[in-house]
N, C-alpha and C. Protein backbone atom coordinates (compact mmCIF):
# COMPACT_ATOMS: atom_id res chain seq x y z
N MET A 1 -15.80 7.01 4.26
CA MET A 1 -14.39 6.41 4.21
C MET A 1 -15.08 4.73 4.34
N ALA A 2 -14.98 4.39 2.98
CA ALA A 2 -15.72 2.61 3.45
C ALA A 2 -14.47 1.25 3.98
N VAL A 3 -14.80 0.31 4.48
CA VAL A 3 -14.18 -0.47 5.33
C VAL A 3 -13.57 -1.00 3.90
N VAL A 4 -12.07 -1.44 4.05
CA VAL A 4 -11.95 -2.23 3.48
C VAL A 4 -10.88 -3.34 4.01
N GLU A 5 -11.71 -4.53 3.50
CA GLU A 5 -11.60 -5.81 4.00
C GLU A 5 -10.07 -6.02 3.55
N SER A 6 -9.70 -6.65 4.88
CA SER A 6 -8.02 -6.69 4.82
C SER A 6 -7.97 -8.63 5.23
N PRO A 7 -6.94 -9.16 4.57
CA PRO A 7 -6.72 -10.45 5.47
C PRO A 7 -5.64 -10.54 6.32
N CYS A 8 -4.99 -9.46 6.85
CA CYS A 8 -4.15 -9.03 8.21
C CYS A 8 -4.69 -9.40 9.29
N THR A 9 -3.79 -10.63 9.88
CA THR A 9 -4.13 -11.35 11.25
C THR A 9 -3.01 -10.69 12.61
N LYS A 10 -2.42 -9.45 12.04
CA LYS A 10 -1.52 -9.23 13.23
C LYS A 10 -0.07 -10.31 13.32
N VAL A 11 -0.17 -10.84 12.82
CA VAL A 11 1.41 -11.45 12.34
C VAL A 11 2.21 -11.37 11.47
N CYS A 12 2.64 -10.15 11.43
CA CYS A 12 3.80 -9.30 10.61
C CYS A 12 5.07 -9.93 10.57
N ALA A 13 5.37 -11.03 9.80
CA ALA A 13 6.51 -11.46 9.81
C ALA A 13 7.01 -12.00 8.53
N ILE A 14 7.63 -11.65 8.21
CA ILE A 14 8.22 -12.13 6.40
C ILE A 14 8.98 -13.26 6.33
N GLU A 15 8.62 -14.47 5.54
CA GLU A 15 8.93 -15.27 5.27
C GLU A 15 10.31 -14.71 4.44
N PRO A 16 11.88 -15.13 4.61
CA PRO A 16 12.39 -14.74 3.41
C PRO A 16 13.13 -15.14 2.32
N MET A 17 12.18 -16.45 2.15
CA MET A 17 12.94 -17.00 0.80
C MET A 17 12.08 -16.52 0.06
N SER A 18 10.63 -16.52 0.41
CA SER A 18 9.18 -16.30 -0.56
C SER A 18 8.92 -14.65 -0.36
N GLY A 19 9.20 -14.52 0.57
CA GLY A 19 8.80 -12.44 0.65
C GLY A 19 7.13 -12.36 0.73
N LEU A 20 6.92 -13.76 1.72
CA LEU A 20 5.56 -13.80 1.94
C LEU A 20 5.37 -13.44 3.31
N CYS A 21 4.49 -12.67 3.71
CA CYS A 21 3.71 -12.39 5.33
C CYS A 21 3.52 -13.98 5.96
N PHE A 22 4.18 -14.26 6.73
CA PHE A 22 3.43 -16.00 7.61
C PHE A 22 1.77 -15.66 8.13
N GLY A 23 1.31 -14.27 8.42
CA GLY A 23 0.16 -13.95 9.17
C GLY A 23 -0.91 -14.01 7.48
N CYS A 24 -0.20 -13.35 6.85
CA CYS A 24 -1.78 -13.14 5.31
C CYS A 24 -1.09 -13.70 4.29
N GLY A 25 -0.24 -13.61 3.68
CA GLY A 25 0.17 -14.45 2.64
C GLY A 25 0.75 -13.40 1.49
N ARG A 26 0.78 -11.54 1.96
CA ARG A 26 0.69 -11.13 1.05
C ARG A 26 2.41 -10.79 0.69
N THR A 27 2.46 -10.30 0.00
CA THR A 27 4.01 -9.23 -0.27
C THR A 27 3.82 -7.67 0.22
N LEU A 28 5.11 -7.67 0.36
CA LEU A 28 5.62 -6.20 1.14
C LEU A 28 4.65 -5.56 0.66
N THR A 29 4.85 -5.19 -1.16
CA THR A 29 3.98 -4.17 -1.89
C THR A 29 2.58 -4.56 -1.83
N GLU A 30 1.90 -5.69 -1.59
CA GLU A 30 0.69 -5.54 -1.46
C GLU A 30 0.23 -5.08 -0.39
N ILE A 31 1.26 -5.38 1.04
CA ILE A 31 0.71 -4.87 2.40
C ILE A 31 0.70 -3.23 2.41
N GLU A 32 2.04 -2.45 1.23
CA GLU A 32 2.21 -1.25 1.16
C GLU A 32 0.68 -0.44 0.71
N HIS A 33 0.63 -1.28 -0.11
CA HIS A 33 -0.54 -0.72 -1.30
C HIS A 33 -2.00 -1.11 -0.85
N TRP A 34 -1.99 -1.62 -0.38
CA TRP A 34 -3.58 -2.43 0.51
C TRP A 34 -4.78 -1.21 0.40
N LEU A 35 -4.39 -0.04 1.06
CA LEU A 35 -5.50 1.02 1.03
C LEU A 35 -5.36 1.49 -0.10
N VAL A 36 -4.85 1.31 -1.19
CA VAL A 36 -5.13 2.49 -2.81
C VAL A 36 -5.66 1.11 -3.44
N PHE A 37 -4.99 0.25 -3.19
CA PHE A 37 -5.83 -0.73 -4.39
C PHE A 37 -7.44 -0.23 -4.51
N THR A 38 -8.06 -0.87 -5.73
CA THR A 38 -9.12 -0.70 -5.84
C THR A 38 -9.63 -2.13 -5.37
N ALA A 39 -11.24 -1.83 -5.45
CA ALA A 39 -11.75 -3.42 -4.52
C ALA A 39 -11.21 -4.28 -5.82
N GLY A 40 -10.96 -4.34 -7.02
CA GLY A 40 -10.69 -5.34 -7.88
C GLY A 40 -9.93 -6.04 -7.84
N GLU A 41 -8.63 -4.98 -7.43
CA GLU A 41 -7.03 -5.39 -7.19
C GLU A 41 -6.84 -6.07 -5.92
N ARG A 42 -8.00 -5.76 -5.21
CA ARG A 42 -7.63 -6.32 -3.67
C ARG A 42 -8.25 -7.75 -3.86
N ALA A 43 -9.55 -8.13 -4.30
CA ALA A 43 -10.13 -9.22 -4.92
C ALA A 43 -9.06 -10.03 -5.71
N GLU A 44 -8.40 -9.63 -6.46
CA GLU A 44 -7.37 -10.19 -7.28
C GLU A 44 -6.35 -11.16 -6.07
N VAL A 45 -5.71 -9.90 -5.25
CA VAL A 45 -4.69 -10.74 -4.10
C VAL A 45 -5.41 -11.34 -3.19
N MET A 46 -6.71 -11.42 -2.74
CA MET A 46 -7.52 -12.62 -1.69
C MET A 46 -7.22 -13.65 -2.56
N ALA A 47 -7.87 -13.87 -3.55
CA ALA A 47 -7.87 -15.02 -4.45
C ALA A 47 -6.72 -15.61 -4.43
N LYS A 48 -5.47 -15.23 -4.24
CA LYS A 48 -3.93 -16.16 -4.57
C LYS A 48 -3.71 -16.30 -2.96
N LEU A 49 -4.56 -15.78 -2.21
CA LEU A 49 -3.78 -16.09 -1.00
C LEU A 49 -4.16 -17.66 -0.13
N PRO A 50 -5.09 -18.05 -0.79
CA PRO A 50 -5.10 -19.88 0.13
C PRO A 50 -4.15 -20.08 -0.32
N LEU A 51 -3.59 -20.41 -1.64
CA LEU A 51 -2.85 -21.42 -2.33
C LEU A 51 -0.91 -20.82 -2.11
N ARG A 52 -1.15 -19.44 -1.65
CA ARG A 52 -0.08 -18.74 -1.08
C ARG A 52 -0.09 -19.35 0.29
N MET A 53 -1.00 -19.49 1.20
CA MET A 53 -0.76 -19.92 2.80
C MET A 53 -0.28 -21.53 2.41
N ALA A 54 -0.60 -22.01 1.70
CA ALA A 54 -0.80 -23.74 1.77
C ALA A 54 0.74 -23.58 1.54
N GLY A 55 1.33 -22.97 0.87
CA GLY A 55 2.77 -23.61 0.32
C GLY A 55 3.76 -22.59 1.27
N LEU A 56 3.39 -21.67 2.17
CA LEU A 56 4.34 -21.23 2.75
C LEU A 56 4.93 -21.68 4.17
N ARG A 57 5.88 -21.92 4.41
CA ARG A 57 6.58 -22.58 5.14
C ARG A 57 6.52 -22.02 6.55
N ARG A 58 6.52 -22.52 7.59
CA ARG A 58 6.27 -21.70 8.61
C ARG A 58 7.14 -21.68 9.45
N PRO A 59 7.60 -20.73 10.56
CA PRO A 59 8.34 -21.29 11.41
C PRO A 59 8.30 -22.11 12.05
N ASP A 60 9.74 -22.86 12.83
CA ASP A 60 9.77 -23.92 13.54
C ASP A 60 9.41 -23.60 15.17
N THR A 61 8.05 -23.80 15.52
CA THR A 61 7.82 -23.47 16.47
C THR A 61 7.94 -24.40 17.94
N ASP A 62 8.70 -25.70 17.56
CA ASP A 62 8.96 -26.66 18.37
C ASP A 62 10.08 -26.09 19.42
N ARG A 63 11.09 -25.45 18.77
CA ARG A 63 11.95 -24.85 19.54
C ARG A 63 11.48 -24.01 20.45
N PHE A 64 10.60 -23.45 20.58
CA PHE A 64 10.02 -22.42 21.48
C PHE A 64 9.68 -23.08 22.70
N GLY A 65 9.04 -24.09 22.46
CA GLY A 65 7.98 -24.83 23.46
C GLY A 65 8.45 -25.99 24.22
């Protein structure tokens, strides 16, 4: 079985407004189907992630420190 490149950072939490994972920027559907996506489908998702992550609102961490 071939190794599947994944953007997962093991920070699995979904931002409610966008529906994107705070750790990797994927949607729940993309996360769920990642292992059955073709290499081309994975590449399409990977190409979208930098822009998604740049616009993703991070949780307020000041309240924890």
